[in-house]
Amino acid sequence: MTSPAARTALDLTAGLPVTDLEALYRDLHRHPELSLQEYRTAGKFAERLRKAGFETAEGVGGTGVVGVLRNGDGPTVLLRADMDALPVGEETGLPYASEVPGVMHACGHDLHVTWLAGAARALAAGREAWSGTLVVVGQPAEETGQGARAMVADGLYERFPRPDVLLAQHAAPGPAGLYAHSPGLILSASTDVDVVVHGRGGHGSRPESTVDPVVTAAYLVTRLQTVVSREIAARDSAVLTVGRIEAGTRHNIIPSQAHIALNLRTQSAEVRDRMTAAVRRIAAGECLAAGCPREPEVTIGADFPVTVNDPGTDHRVAAVHGEVFGAATVFDPGPAMGSEDFPHLAPDGVPYSYWFVTSTPADVWEAAPGADLMEKFAAVPSNHSPHFAPDLSTLLPGVRTLVSGALAHLSLA
């Protein structure tokens, strides 16, 4: 039997103009904006909220947008979409490809904004079917981990209603039309670490008069690979990535320093602390062995928290998604090593649910090499790839996931 929330969600979204959603998505995709520069995107989103009848504020936390629809007594539900693009040059070949050199929506945030705009329109138009308060948030700077905290620091919950529950979703690779829920840990913590190795520069013809930081950095990169393989228990998931190594200016100059940029992925504070301590120890040891004139500088940078769904809230959302789309479309992938700043939006103790909507076009999925789902999953373009291009067939379903999730918590007429 279909629940009232599922039936109402289907009714409210039945008449949505998909062509309008597609036009918005294509426009946002053509005009991507980097973190904290989402002025045009925010303006487009705010315009649609005002037209739908929301009290709308812009510039929250820099470029954030908040829309509030008060509709009688009942719970307060917050729906969130992130808005920023990435410094990635697009290689999709799409007719609506990015017009901004070196910048593209390689993570699907243009799709997220379109989904939320559609959900806000549907829920506002069908407000006679539910009661409560709906808060919709267009969040900046998810990619840098700054946006959620900036909005909270700018008085998000002093200026606007405090939610009883928060909901968010993300586009992901996988055959379009699946909805991934994990009732607990779903995303990992992320920590950036910068290491500066100090050497003594000089001429390439006289290495004996120098302390070469490039060689030391090379040893350091290799040694850091043992942190996960030899210092973290096999039962604990962790990833250490050297994302950048930078040193020198010319072929025949031994530089005076080298910079290494690391990213750590962990699923507990204990493992994170163990890894950062290991990075500090290994960096100090390699520099000591090389005779560096100074100890290395190790700086902890941007960090993202673990994303842990409230089990009851996530079960409720997953159940209504199963009713709307079919039970076979909802599955539990277990925790991923990706990260999000969405939990920073959640006040202490307030439950949330965060899930994935798979979005790989059917032809791309079928053409991908591999005999099973995981092999194909590894072969199709992933988030942050210059080839990432979600299927437009997910536009209406992505609206329905938000609408049904919200209605599962709002009071129904």
Protein backbone atom coordinates (compact mmCIF):
# COMPACT_ATOMS: atom_id res chain seq x y z
CA MET A 1 0.00 0.00 0.00
CA THR A 2 1.33 3.44 -0.93
CA SER A 3 1.64 5.92 1.93
CA PRO A 4 -0.08 9.36 1.87
CA ALA A 5 3.37 11.00 1.53
CA ALA A 6 4.22 8.97 -1.57
CA ARG A 7 0.82 9.54 -3.19
CA THR A 8 0.93 13.26 -2.47
CA ALA A 9 4.48 13.55 -3.83
CA LEU A 10 3.44 11.94 -7.10
CA ASP A 11 0.39 14.21 -7.33
CA LEU A 12 2.34 17.41 -6.64
CA THR A 13 5.07 16.64 -9.16
CA ALA A 14 2.86 15.24 -11.92
CA GLY A 15 2.35 18.61 -13.57
CA LEU A 16 5.86 20.00 -13.28
CA PRO A 17 7.14 21.36 -16.62
CA VAL A 18 10.18 19.20 -17.28
CA THR A 19 11.22 21.43 -20.16
CA ASP A 20 11.53 24.34 -17.74
CA LEU A 21 13.67 22.26 -15.38
CA GLU A 22 15.86 21.23 -18.29
CA ALA A 23 16.26 24.85 -19.41
CA LEU A 24 17.35 25.87 -15.89
CA TYR A 25 19.79 22.97 -15.65
CA ARG A 26 21.37 23.70 -19.02
CA ASP A 27 21.70 27.38 -18.13
CA LEU A 28 23.40 26.63 -14.80
CA HIS A 29 25.69 24.12 -16.45
CA ARG A 30 26.79 26.66 -19.07
CA HIS A 31 27.58 29.25 -16.39
CA PRO A 32 29.43 27.52 -13.54
CA GLU A 33 30.79 29.59 -10.66
CA LEU A 34 33.52 28.67 -8.20
CA SER A 35 33.11 28.55 -4.43
CA LEU A 36 31.91 31.82 -2.85
CA GLN A 37 31.51 33.30 -6.35
CA GLU A 38 28.04 31.83 -7.02
CA TYR A 39 26.35 35.20 -7.56
CA ARG A 40 24.57 34.38 -10.81
CA THR A 41 23.53 30.92 -9.64
CA ALA A 42 22.22 32.31 -6.36
CA GLY A 43 20.28 35.00 -8.21
CA LYS A 44 18.63 32.48 -10.52
CA PHE A 45 17.66 30.26 -7.58
CA ALA A 46 16.37 33.16 -5.47
CA GLU A 47 14.28 34.44 -8.37
CA ARG A 48 12.49 31.10 -8.61
CA LEU A 49 11.87 30.95 -4.86
CA ARG A 50 10.30 34.41 -4.84
CA LYS A 51 8.11 33.50 -7.79
CA ALA A 52 6.92 30.41 -5.91
CA GLY A 53 5.94 32.50 -2.88
CA PHE A 54 8.87 31.98 -0.52
CA GLU A 55 10.22 34.69 1.79
CA THR A 56 13.68 34.85 0.26
CA ALA A 57 17.02 36.18 1.46
CA GLU A 58 20.28 36.35 -0.47
CA GLY A 59 23.87 36.88 0.63
CA VAL A 60 23.64 34.57 3.65
CA GLY A 61 27.15 33.41 4.47
CA GLY A 62 28.45 35.24 1.41
CA THR A 63 26.43 33.95 -1.53
CA GLY A 64 23.94 31.64 0.18
CA VAL A 65 20.18 31.75 -0.44
CA VAL A 66 17.45 30.94 2.08
CA GLY A 67 13.76 30.59 1.25
CA VAL A 68 11.05 30.15 3.88
CA LEU A 69 7.47 29.02 3.27
CA ARG A 70 5.30 29.12 6.40
CA ASN A 71 2.23 26.98 5.95
CA GLY A 72 0.50 26.57 9.29
CA ASP A 73 1.30 24.32 12.23
CA GLY A 74 3.63 21.42 11.83
CA PRO A 75 7.31 20.45 11.66
CA THR A 76 10.02 22.56 10.06
CA VAL A 77 11.84 20.74 7.26
CA LEU A 78 15.05 22.05 5.67
CA LEU A 79 16.02 21.04 2.14
CA ARG A 80 19.53 21.91 0.95
CA ALA A 81 21.35 22.10 -2.38
CA ASP A 82 24.97 23.15 -2.90
CA MET A 83 25.71 25.57 -5.74
CA ASP A 84 29.45 25.78 -6.47
CA ALA A 85 31.40 24.42 -9.44
CA LEU A 86 34.97 23.16 -9.72
CA PRO A 87 38.22 24.37 -11.35
CA VAL A 88 38.00 21.61 -13.98
CA GLY A 89 38.04 22.11 -17.75
CA GLU A 90 35.00 20.42 -19.29
CA GLU A 91 35.55 17.64 -21.83
CA THR A 92 32.01 16.25 -22.13
CA GLY A 93 31.30 17.64 -25.60
CA LEU A 94 27.76 18.50 -24.51
CA PRO A 95 25.90 21.15 -26.53
CA TYR A 96 25.37 23.01 -23.24
CA ALA A 97 28.96 22.61 -22.00
CA SER A 98 30.55 25.19 -19.72
CA GLU A 99 31.28 28.55 -21.31
CA VAL A 100 33.75 29.42 -18.53
CA PRO A 101 37.30 28.28 -19.37
CA GLY A 102 38.71 25.92 -16.78
CA VAL A 103 35.51 25.77 -14.72
CA MET A 104 32.67 23.24 -14.87
CA HIS A 105 29.95 21.63 -12.83
CA ALA A 106 31.90 18.39 -12.51
CA CYS A 107 30.10 17.32 -9.32
CA GLY A 108 26.44 17.83 -10.21
CA HIS A 109 25.69 20.88 -8.10
CA ASP A 110 23.84 22.45 -11.04
CA LEU A 111 21.59 19.40 -10.95
CA HIS A 112 21.14 19.81 -7.18
CA VAL A 113 19.99 23.42 -7.57
CA THR A 114 17.58 22.42 -10.34
CA TRP A 115 16.14 19.61 -8.21
CA LEU A 116 15.60 21.93 -5.25
CA ALA A 117 14.07 24.67 -7.39
CA GLY A 118 11.61 22.13 -8.79
CA ALA A 119 10.81 20.72 -5.34
CA ALA A 120 10.22 24.19 -3.92
CA ARG A 121 7.86 25.01 -6.78
CA ALA A 122 5.90 21.76 -6.39
CA LEU A 123 5.55 22.02 -2.62
CA ALA A 124 4.53 25.68 -2.80
CA ALA A 125 1.93 25.01 -5.48
CA GLY A 126 0.52 22.10 -3.45
CA ARG A 127 0.58 23.72 -0.03
CA GLU A 128 -3.07 22.78 0.61
CA ALA A 129 -1.87 19.16 0.91
CA TRP A 130 0.51 19.73 3.83
CA SER A 131 1.22 21.97 6.80
CA GLY A 132 4.38 23.07 8.57
CA THR A 133 7.32 25.23 7.56
CA LEU A 134 9.61 24.57 4.62
CA VAL A 135 13.12 26.05 4.59
CA VAL A 136 15.15 25.70 1.39
CA VAL A 137 18.85 26.50 1.35
CA GLY A 138 21.09 27.19 -1.64
CA GLN A 139 24.49 26.68 -0.05
CA PRO A 140 27.76 28.08 -1.41
CA ALA A 141 31.27 26.64 -1.18
CA GLU A 142 30.63 22.98 -0.43
CA GLU A 143 33.72 22.01 -2.41
CA THR A 144 35.99 24.01 -0.11
CA GLY A 145 34.17 23.10 3.10
CA GLN A 146 33.44 26.76 3.88
CA GLY A 147 29.81 27.28 2.89
CA ALA A 148 27.75 25.53 5.55
CA ARG A 149 29.77 26.99 8.42
CA ALA A 150 29.65 30.45 6.84
CA MET A 151 25.84 30.35 6.66
CA VAL A 152 25.53 29.21 10.26
CA ALA A 153 28.00 31.89 11.39
CA ASP A 154 25.90 34.47 9.52
CA GLY A 155 22.93 33.69 11.74
CA LEU A 156 21.15 31.03 9.71
CA TYR A 157 19.19 29.79 12.73
CA GLU A 158 18.80 33.18 14.38
CA ARG A 159 17.35 34.78 11.24
CA PHE A 160 15.36 31.83 9.91
CA PRO A 161 13.34 28.96 11.43
CA ARG A 162 15.33 26.23 13.16
CA PRO A 163 14.63 22.89 11.44
CA ASP A 164 13.29 19.72 13.02
CA VAL A 165 14.93 17.67 10.28
CA LEU A 166 17.38 18.33 7.41
CA LEU A 167 17.41 16.56 4.03
CA ALA A 168 19.91 16.62 1.16
CA GLN A 169 20.92 14.51 -1.80
CA HIS A 170 23.80 14.22 -4.28
CA ALA A 171 24.21 13.05 -7.86
CA ALA A 172 26.49 10.03 -8.18
CA PRO A 173 27.74 7.63 -10.85
CA GLY A 174 25.74 4.46 -11.36
CA PRO A 175 22.90 3.42 -13.67
CA ALA A 176 20.39 6.28 -13.59
CA GLY A 177 17.38 5.61 -11.40
CA LEU A 178 18.78 4.20 -8.15
CA TYR A 179 18.64 5.78 -4.69
CA ALA A 180 21.43 4.98 -2.24
CA HIS A 181 20.65 5.22 1.48
CA SER A 182 22.83 4.28 4.45
CA PRO A 183 21.13 4.57 7.88
CA GLY A 184 24.23 5.69 9.75
CA LEU A 185 27.72 6.55 8.49
CA ILE A 186 27.47 7.38 4.78
CA LEU A 187 30.42 9.74 4.13
CA SER A 188 33.88 10.06 5.62
CA ALA A 189 35.83 12.91 7.13
CA SER A 190 38.38 14.71 4.99
CA THR A 191 41.44 16.61 6.18
CA ASP A 192 43.92 18.59 4.08
CA VAL A 193 47.53 18.69 5.23
CA ASP A 194 50.32 20.84 3.79
CA VAL A 195 53.98 20.00 4.33
CA VAL A 196 56.80 22.42 3.48
CA VAL A 197 60.27 20.89 3.33
CA HIS A 198 63.09 23.42 3.85
CA GLY A 199 66.39 22.75 2.10
CA ARG A 200 69.38 24.82 1.05
CA GLY A 201 69.26 25.91 -2.57
CA GLY A 202 72.08 26.23 -5.03
CA HIS A 203 73.44 25.45 -8.49
CA GLY A 204 72.62 22.12 -10.10
CA SER A 205 76.32 21.55 -10.81
CA ARG A 206 77.21 21.66 -7.10
CA PRO A 207 74.67 19.49 -5.25
CA GLU A 208 77.22 18.85 -2.48
CA SER A 209 76.82 22.47 -1.36
CA THR A 210 73.05 22.16 -1.05
CA VAL A 211 70.36 20.24 0.84
CA ASP A 212 67.99 19.19 -1.90
CA PRO A 213 64.35 19.45 -0.72
CA VAL A 214 63.11 17.73 -3.89
CA VAL A 215 64.89 14.49 -3.04
CA THR A 216 63.66 14.73 0.54
CA ALA A 217 60.11 15.37 -0.66
CA ALA A 218 60.34 12.33 -2.95
CA TYR A 219 61.36 10.11 -0.03
CA LEU A 220 58.59 11.66 2.03
CA VAL A 221 55.92 10.93 -0.60
CA THR A 222 57.02 7.29 -0.75
CA ARG A 223 57.24 6.89 3.01
CA LEU A 224 53.79 8.41 3.54
CA GLN A 225 52.28 5.50 1.64
CA THR A 226 53.09 3.30 4.65
CA VAL A 227 50.80 5.28 6.95
CA VAL A 228 47.69 3.44 5.76
CA SER A 229 49.35 0.15 4.83
CA ARG A 230 51.38 -0.26 8.04
CA GLU A 231 49.93 2.00 10.74
CA ILE A 232 46.15 1.73 10.30
CA ALA A 233 44.31 -1.45 11.25
CA ALA A 234 42.76 -3.35 8.36
CA ARG A 235 39.31 -2.92 9.96
CA ASP A 236 39.63 0.89 9.75
CA SER A 237 39.02 2.52 6.37
CA ALA A 238 41.49 5.27 5.49
CA VAL A 239 42.98 6.91 2.40
CA LEU A 240 46.06 9.14 2.08
CA THR A 241 46.47 10.99 -1.20
CA VAL A 242 49.38 13.18 -2.28
CA GLY A 243 47.50 15.59 -4.49
CA ARG A 244 50.31 18.01 -5.29
CA ILE A 245 54.08 18.28 -5.07
CA GLU A 246 55.64 21.56 -6.06
CA ALA A 247 59.25 22.74 -6.10
CA GLY A 248 61.78 24.66 -8.15
CA THR A 249 61.78 27.10 -11.03
CA ARG A 250 64.43 25.90 -13.54
CA HIS A 251 66.27 22.77 -14.65
CA ASN A 252 69.63 23.71 -13.14
CA ILE A 253 68.53 25.29 -9.87
CA ILE A 254 68.20 23.24 -6.70
CA PRO A 255 65.39 25.01 -4.84
CA SER A 256 65.33 25.96 -1.20
CA GLN A 257 61.97 24.37 -0.43
CA ALA A 258 59.36 21.90 -1.63
CA HIS A 259 55.63 21.86 -0.92
CA ILE A 260 53.57 18.68 -0.59
CA ALA A 261 49.75 18.80 -0.38
CA LEU A 262 48.02 15.79 1.19
CA ASN A 263 44.43 14.73 1.69
CA LEU A 264 43.41 12.28 4.42
CA ARG A 265 40.09 10.37 4.40
CA THR A 266 39.01 8.75 7.64
CA GLN A 267 35.87 7.47 9.34
CA SER A 268 36.73 8.29 12.93
CA ALA A 269 38.47 11.05 14.88
CA GLU A 270 40.87 8.49 16.37
CA VAL A 271 42.15 7.35 12.97
CA ARG A 272 42.39 10.95 11.77
CA ASP A 273 44.54 11.90 14.77
CA ARG A 274 46.73 8.84 14.29
CA MET A 275 47.30 9.72 10.63
CA THR A 276 48.10 13.39 11.22
CA ALA A 277 50.54 12.40 13.97
CA ALA A 278 52.21 9.94 11.57
CA VAL A 279 52.52 12.61 8.88
CA ARG A 280 54.23 14.96 11.34
CA ARG A 281 56.60 12.22 12.56
CA ILE A 282 57.55 10.99 9.10
CA ALA A 283 58.10 14.53 7.79
CA ALA A 284 60.33 15.39 10.74
CA GLY A 285 62.26 12.13 10.37
CA GLU A 286 62.93 12.47 6.65
CA CYS A 287 64.05 16.07 7.04
CA LEU A 288 66.35 15.13 9.90
CA ALA A 289 67.86 12.29 7.85
CA ALA A 290 68.48 14.69 4.94
CA GLY A 291 70.14 17.32 7.12
CA CYS A 292 67.55 20.00 6.38
CA PRO A 293 68.43 23.32 8.01
CA ARG A 294 64.96 23.66 9.51
CA GLU A 295 62.21 21.36 10.68
CA PRO A 296 59.37 20.94 8.17
CA GLU A 297 56.21 23.00 8.46
CA VAL A 298 53.12 20.81 8.76
CA THR A 299 49.82 22.69 8.54
CA ILE A 300 46.33 21.24 8.95
CA GLY A 301 44.00 22.89 6.43
CA ALA A 302 40.39 22.48 5.33
CA ASP A 303 38.45 19.69 6.96
CA PHE A 304 35.08 18.04 6.48
CA PRO A 305 33.20 16.09 9.16
CA VAL A 306 31.87 12.55 8.92
CA THR A 307 28.30 12.42 7.61
CA VAL A 308 26.21 10.15 9.84
CA ASN A 309 22.53 9.79 8.98
CA ASP A 310 20.00 9.51 11.77
CA PRO A 311 18.79 5.92 11.26
CA GLY A 312 15.12 6.61 11.92
CA THR A 313 15.06 9.63 9.62
CA ASP A 314 16.90 7.86 6.84
CA HIS A 315 14.69 4.75 7.10
CA ARG A 316 11.63 6.98 6.75
CA VAL A 317 12.99 8.72 3.64
CA ALA A 318 14.22 5.48 2.09
CA ALA A 319 10.82 3.89 2.65
CA VAL A 320 8.94 6.65 0.84
CA HIS A 321 11.48 6.57 -1.99
CA GLY A 322 10.84 2.84 -2.31
CA GLU A 323 7.12 3.53 -2.61
CA VAL A 324 7.55 6.29 -5.19
CA PHE A 325 10.15 4.55 -7.38
CA GLY A 326 9.88 0.86 -6.47
CA ALA A 327 11.56 -1.06 -3.67
CA ALA A 328 14.26 -2.43 -6.00
CA THR A 329 15.58 1.09 -6.70
CA VAL A 330 16.61 1.73 -3.08
CA PHE A 331 19.79 0.11 -1.75
CA ASP A 332 22.42 0.52 0.96
CA PRO A 333 25.92 0.99 -0.52
CA GLY A 334 27.60 1.32 2.86
CA PRO A 335 29.84 4.26 3.76
CA ALA A 336 31.86 5.97 1.03
CA MET A 337 35.21 7.73 1.37
CA GLY A 338 33.84 10.96 -0.11
CA SER A 339 33.10 13.93 2.16
CA GLU A 340 30.50 16.67 2.64
CA ASP A 341 30.08 19.81 4.76
CA PHE A 342 26.30 19.29 5.00
CA PRO A 343 26.53 18.11 8.66
CA HIS A 344 27.75 21.61 9.62
CA LEU A 345 24.25 22.84 8.79
CA ALA A 346 22.68 20.53 11.37
CA PRO A 347 22.23 22.07 14.82
CA ASP A 348 23.31 19.78 17.67
CA GLY A 349 20.90 16.89 18.04
CA VAL A 350 18.80 17.68 14.97
CA PRO A 351 18.47 14.58 12.73
CA TYR A 352 19.26 14.52 9.04
CA SER A 353 19.20 12.22 6.04
CA TYR A 354 21.59 12.43 3.10
CA TRP A 355 21.35 10.11 0.11
CA PHE A 356 22.57 9.62 -3.46
CA VAL A 357 20.76 9.67 -6.80
CA THR A 358 22.58 7.68 -9.49
CA SER A 359 22.81 9.58 -12.74
CA THR A 360 24.95 7.84 -15.37
CA PRO A 361 23.19 7.79 -18.78
CA ALA A 362 22.03 4.32 -19.82
CA ASP A 363 24.15 4.23 -22.98
CA VAL A 364 27.29 5.23 -21.08
CA TRP A 365 26.63 2.61 -18.42
CA GLU A 366 25.99 -0.15 -20.94
CA ALA A 367 29.12 0.71 -22.93
CA ALA A 368 31.35 0.72 -19.83
CA PRO A 369 33.70 -2.28 -19.60
CA GLY A 370 33.16 -4.75 -16.80
CA ALA A 371 31.15 -7.83 -16.00
CA ASP A 372 29.54 -6.62 -12.76
CA LEU A 373 28.25 -3.43 -11.16
CA MET A 374 31.48 -2.53 -9.34
CA GLU A 375 33.66 -2.91 -12.45
CA LYS A 376 31.31 -0.70 -14.44
CA PHE A 377 31.08 1.76 -11.55
CA ALA A 378 34.86 2.17 -11.65
CA ALA A 379 34.83 2.67 -15.43
CA VAL A 380 32.17 5.39 -15.89
CA PRO A 381 32.96 9.11 -15.36
CA SER A 382 32.83 9.96 -11.66
CA ASN A 383 32.24 13.18 -9.79
CA HIS A 384 35.08 15.68 -10.38
CA SER A 385 35.87 14.12 -13.77
CA PRO A 386 35.98 16.47 -16.80
CA HIS A 387 33.65 13.93 -18.46
CA PHE A 388 31.01 13.90 -15.69
CA ALA A 389 27.61 14.41 -17.36
CA PRO A 390 24.46 13.35 -15.47
CA ASP A 391 21.50 12.01 -17.43
CA LEU A 392 18.72 14.55 -17.92
CA SER A 393 16.25 11.74 -17.23
CA THR A 394 17.05 12.27 -13.52
CA LEU A 395 15.57 15.78 -13.46
CA LEU A 396 12.01 14.85 -12.44
CA PRO A 397 12.97 11.90 -10.21
CA GLY A 398 15.43 14.12 -8.34
CA VAL A 399 12.61 16.57 -7.63
CA ARG A 400 10.37 13.72 -6.45
CA THR A 401 12.98 12.41 -4.01
CA LEU A 402 13.09 15.80 -2.25
CA VAL A 403 9.33 16.33 -2.35
CA SER A 404 8.54 12.87 -1.01
CA GLY A 405 11.26 13.11 1.63
CA ALA A 406 9.86 16.44 2.83
CA LEU A 407 6.27 15.16 2.85
CA ALA A 408 7.35 12.14 4.90
CA HIS A 409 8.06 14.64 7.71
CA LEU A 410 5.55 17.46 7.17
CA SER A 411 1.97 17.21 8.44
CA LEU A 412 -0.35 16.01 5.67
CA ALA A 413 -3.86 17.33 5.16
